């Protein structure tokens, strides 16, 4: 349970791929066009609180309903697998309702701290130290805040093709993480 830079880097990359804030720039730009101003600070802080709270109480919720961490990690690997397929193939398997306001609800939840992120956080808890996951969440929230603040500039700089390439690269990384997570936890289901 020690502070480990390698773990922080690994978990940060996993969360970065799952949150996919760069891939969400078109959604953020669209929201900004629809509703005007996006509260970047508020959305970032609320998303961080949701993720850290779920890191601590998520496992208790699972115990309450009788699910062990390995089962949840395997289920999480499937969610990550399908998120990766969405990113790589450019398809939408999960569809959200169009939000009417860009406040906490569409940005902090589910765009940043959505089902995939929550599943990933609990799945990572079975392999990494809690302190390193918290540090990785904070690193990602800093990145999320920066992207929310400068989404227009990022979209112009990368262009549609650049955003597509980044999304596909992180999709492949996420797919590899999903396979590793499945392989590490599936054996515990049959013991």
Protein backbone atom coordinates (compact mmCIF):
# COMPACT_ATOMS: atom_id res chain seq x y z
CA UNK A 1 0.00 0.00 0.00
CA UNK A 2 2.90 2.35 -0.75
CA UNK A 3 3.07 5.38 -3.04
CA UNK A 4 4.34 3.99 -6.36
CA UNK A 5 4.95 6.20 -9.42
CA UNK A 6 4.74 3.25 -11.80
CA UNK A 7 1.32 2.26 -10.44
CA UNK A 8 0.12 5.87 -10.57
CA UNK A 9 1.24 6.12 -14.20
CA UNK A 10 -0.44 2.82 -15.13
CA UNK A 11 -3.72 3.63 -13.38
CA UNK A 12 -3.66 7.17 -14.80
CA UNK A 13 -3.34 5.79 -18.33
CA UNK A 14 -6.17 3.30 -17.75
CA UNK A 15 -8.47 6.01 -16.39
CA UNK A 16 -7.42 8.42 -19.15
CA UNK A 17 -8.40 5.83 -21.75
CA UNK A 18 -11.72 5.05 -20.05
CA UNK A 19 -12.70 8.67 -19.36
CA UNK A 20 -11.61 9.48 -22.95
CA UNK A 21 -11.81 13.23 -22.36
CA UNK A 22 -9.91 14.00 -25.60
CA UNK A 23 -12.36 11.82 -27.55
CA UNK A 24 -15.19 13.67 -25.80
CA UNK A 25 -14.02 17.08 -27.06
CA UNK A 26 -16.61 17.06 -29.91
CA UNK A 27 -19.37 16.31 -27.36
CA UNK A 28 -18.09 19.09 -25.07
CA UNK A 29 -17.91 21.56 -27.96
CA UNK A 30 -21.45 20.59 -28.99
CA UNK A 31 -22.70 21.06 -25.40
CA UNK A 32 -20.98 24.45 -25.19
CA UNK A 33 -22.69 25.49 -28.45
CA UNK A 34 -26.10 24.35 -27.16
CA UNK A 35 -26.03 25.81 -23.65
CA UNK A 36 -23.30 28.46 -23.73
CA UNK A 37 -21.03 28.11 -20.70
CA UNK A 38 -19.71 24.87 -19.19
CA UNK A 39 -18.76 25.03 -15.50
CA UNK A 40 -15.36 23.33 -15.81
CA UNK A 41 -14.36 23.70 -12.14
CA UNK A 42 -17.66 22.42 -10.77
CA UNK A 43 -17.82 19.49 -13.20
CA UNK A 44 -14.20 18.46 -12.45
CA UNK A 45 -14.59 18.63 -8.65
CA UNK A 46 -17.90 16.74 -8.66
CA UNK A 47 -16.46 14.03 -10.94
CA UNK A 48 -13.44 13.64 -8.62
CA UNK A 49 -15.65 13.36 -5.53
CA UNK A 50 -17.87 10.76 -7.25
CA UNK A 51 -14.86 8.66 -8.30
CA UNK A 52 -13.08 8.78 -4.93
CA UNK A 53 -16.32 8.07 -3.04
CA UNK A 54 -17.03 5.09 -5.29
CA UNK A 55 -13.47 3.83 -4.72
CA UNK A 56 -14.24 3.57 -0.99
CA UNK A 57 -17.92 2.61 -0.86
CA UNK A 58 -18.25 0.74 -4.14
CA UNK A 59 -16.87 -2.49 -2.68
CA UNK A 60 -19.19 -2.22 0.34
CA UNK A 61 -22.14 -1.83 -2.02
CA UNK A 62 -20.99 -4.98 -3.83
CA UNK A 63 -20.73 -6.92 -0.56
CA UNK A 64 -24.19 -5.73 0.39
CA UNK A 65 -25.61 -7.31 -2.78
CA UNK A 66 -23.36 -10.38 -2.55
CA UNK A 67 -20.86 -9.84 -5.37
CA UNK A 68 -17.11 -10.41 -4.87
CA UNK A 69 -14.38 -8.18 -6.32
CA UNK A 70 -13.24 -10.80 -8.86
CA UNK A 71 -16.72 -11.12 -10.34
CA UNK A 72 -16.97 -7.36 -10.58
CA UNK A 73 -13.50 -7.14 -12.16
CA UNK A 74 -14.48 -9.72 -14.80
CA UNK A 75 -17.71 -7.82 -15.47
CA UNK A 76 -15.65 -4.63 -15.64
CA UNK A 77 -13.35 -6.22 -18.19
CA UNK A 78 -16.38 -6.79 -20.44
CA UNK A 79 -17.46 -3.15 -20.06
CA UNK A 80 -13.92 -2.00 -20.91
CA UNK A 81 -13.85 -4.41 -23.85
CA UNK A 82 -17.02 -2.90 -25.33
CA UNK A 83 -15.86 0.66 -24.62
CA UNK A 84 -12.63 -0.18 -26.46
CA UNK A 85 -14.59 -1.59 -29.40
CA UNK A 86 -16.60 1.65 -29.56
CA UNK A 87 -13.38 3.65 -29.65
CA UNK A 88 -11.60 1.46 -32.21
CA UNK A 89 -14.50 0.82 -34.58
CA UNK A 90 -16.12 4.23 -34.24
CA UNK A 91 -19.52 2.80 -33.31
CA UNK A 92 -21.89 3.68 -30.47
CA UNK A 93 -23.09 0.73 -28.39
CA UNK A 94 -24.19 2.91 -25.48
CA UNK A 95 -26.38 5.91 -26.20
CA UNK A 96 -27.05 8.80 -23.79
CA UNK A 97 -30.06 11.10 -23.85
CA UNK A 98 -29.28 14.58 -25.13
CA UNK A 99 -28.74 16.82 -22.11
CA UNK A 100 -30.61 20.12 -21.91
CA UNK A 101 -28.04 21.83 -19.65
CA UNK A 102 -24.27 21.46 -19.39
CA UNK A 103 -23.80 21.34 -15.65
CA UNK A 104 -22.92 18.50 -13.30
CA UNK A 105 -25.26 15.94 -14.85
CA UNK A 106 -24.00 15.58 -18.42
CA UNK A 107 -20.35 16.52 -17.82
CA UNK A 108 -19.36 15.18 -14.37
CA UNK A 109 -21.78 12.27 -14.65
CA UNK A 110 -21.94 10.31 -16.94
CA UNK A 111 -19.36 11.85 -19.33
CA UNK A 112 -16.40 11.84 -16.90
CA UNK A 113 -17.48 9.62 -14.00
CA UNK A 114 -19.75 7.25 -15.87
CA UNK A 115 -20.45 3.54 -15.59
CA UNK A 116 -17.22 2.59 -17.38
CA UNK A 117 -15.14 4.76 -15.06
CA UNK A 118 -16.83 3.37 -11.93
CA UNK A 119 -16.40 -0.21 -13.07
CA UNK A 120 -12.77 0.47 -13.90
CA UNK A 121 -12.06 2.06 -10.50
CA UNK A 122 -13.39 -0.97 -8.63
CA UNK A 123 -11.62 -3.35 -10.99
CA UNK A 124 -8.32 -1.50 -10.49
CA UNK A 125 -8.78 -1.69 -6.72
CA UNK A 126 -8.24 -5.45 -6.93
CA UNK A 127 -4.76 -4.90 -8.45
CA UNK A 128 -3.44 -1.52 -7.30
CA UNK A 129 -2.97 0.34 -3.99
CA UNK A 130 -5.78 2.75 -3.05
CA UNK A 131 -3.39 5.70 -2.57
CA UNK A 132 -2.08 5.24 -6.12
CA UNK A 133 -5.62 5.08 -7.54
CA UNK A 134 -6.53 8.31 -5.72
CA UNK A 135 -3.39 9.98 -7.09
CA UNK A 136 -4.29 8.77 -10.60
CA UNK A 137 -7.85 10.10 -10.22
CA UNK A 138 -6.44 13.52 -9.22
CA UNK A 139 -4.03 13.48 -12.20
CA UNK A 140 -6.93 12.68 -14.53
CA UNK A 141 -9.16 15.38 -13.04
CA UNK A 142 -6.40 17.95 -13.66
CA UNK A 143 -6.26 16.78 -17.30
CA UNK A 144 -10.07 16.80 -17.54
CA UNK A 145 -10.21 20.36 -16.17
CA UNK A 146 -7.55 21.53 -18.65
CA UNK A 147 -9.40 19.89 -21.55
CA UNK A 148 -12.78 21.33 -20.48
CA UNK A 149 -11.23 24.80 -20.26
CA UNK A 150 -9.53 24.57 -23.67
CA UNK A 151 -11.80 22.21 -25.64
CA UNK A 152 -12.25 24.64 -28.53
CA UNK A 153 -8.50 25.12 -28.97
CA UNK A 154 -7.87 21.34 -28.78
CA UNK A 155 -10.51 20.64 -31.42
CA UNK A 156 -8.96 23.22 -33.77
CA UNK A 157 -5.40 21.97 -33.15
CA UNK A 158 -6.08 18.25 -33.61
CA UNK A 159 -8.89 18.41 -36.13
CA UNK A 160 -11.40 15.62 -36.67
CA UNK A 161 -8.73 13.21 -37.97
CA UNK A 162 -6.38 13.86 -35.03
CA UNK A 163 -9.17 13.25 -32.50
CA UNK A 164 -10.07 10.04 -34.35
CA UNK A 165 -6.49 8.74 -34.26
CA UNK A 166 -6.12 9.47 -30.52
CA UNK A 167 -9.43 7.77 -29.81
CA UNK A 168 -8.38 4.62 -31.72
CA UNK A 169 -4.94 4.45 -30.06
CA UNK A 170 -6.51 4.65 -26.60
CA UNK A 171 -9.12 2.13 -27.72
CA UNK A 172 -6.40 -0.43 -28.45
CA UNK A 173 -4.72 0.29 -25.09
CA UNK A 174 -8.08 -0.12 -23.34
CA UNK A 175 -8.71 -3.40 -25.17
CA UNK A 176 -5.36 -4.77 -23.95
CA UNK A 177 -6.20 -3.64 -20.39
CA UNK A 178 -9.60 -5.37 -20.60
CA UNK A 179 -7.95 -8.65 -21.68
CA UNK A 180 -5.38 -8.41 -18.85
CA UNK A 181 -8.07 -7.62 -16.27
CA UNK A 182 -10.15 -10.58 -17.45
CA UNK A 183 -7.16 -12.96 -17.42
CA UNK A 184 -6.06 -11.88 -13.92
CA UNK A 185 -9.49 -12.31 -12.34
CA UNK A 186 -11.35 -15.04 -14.21
CA UNK A 187 -9.42 -17.87 -12.50
CA UNK A 188 -10.71 -16.68 -9.08
CA UNK A 189 -14.28 -17.36 -10.20
CA UNK A 190 -13.61 -21.09 -10.48
CA UNK A 191 -11.82 -21.65 -7.17
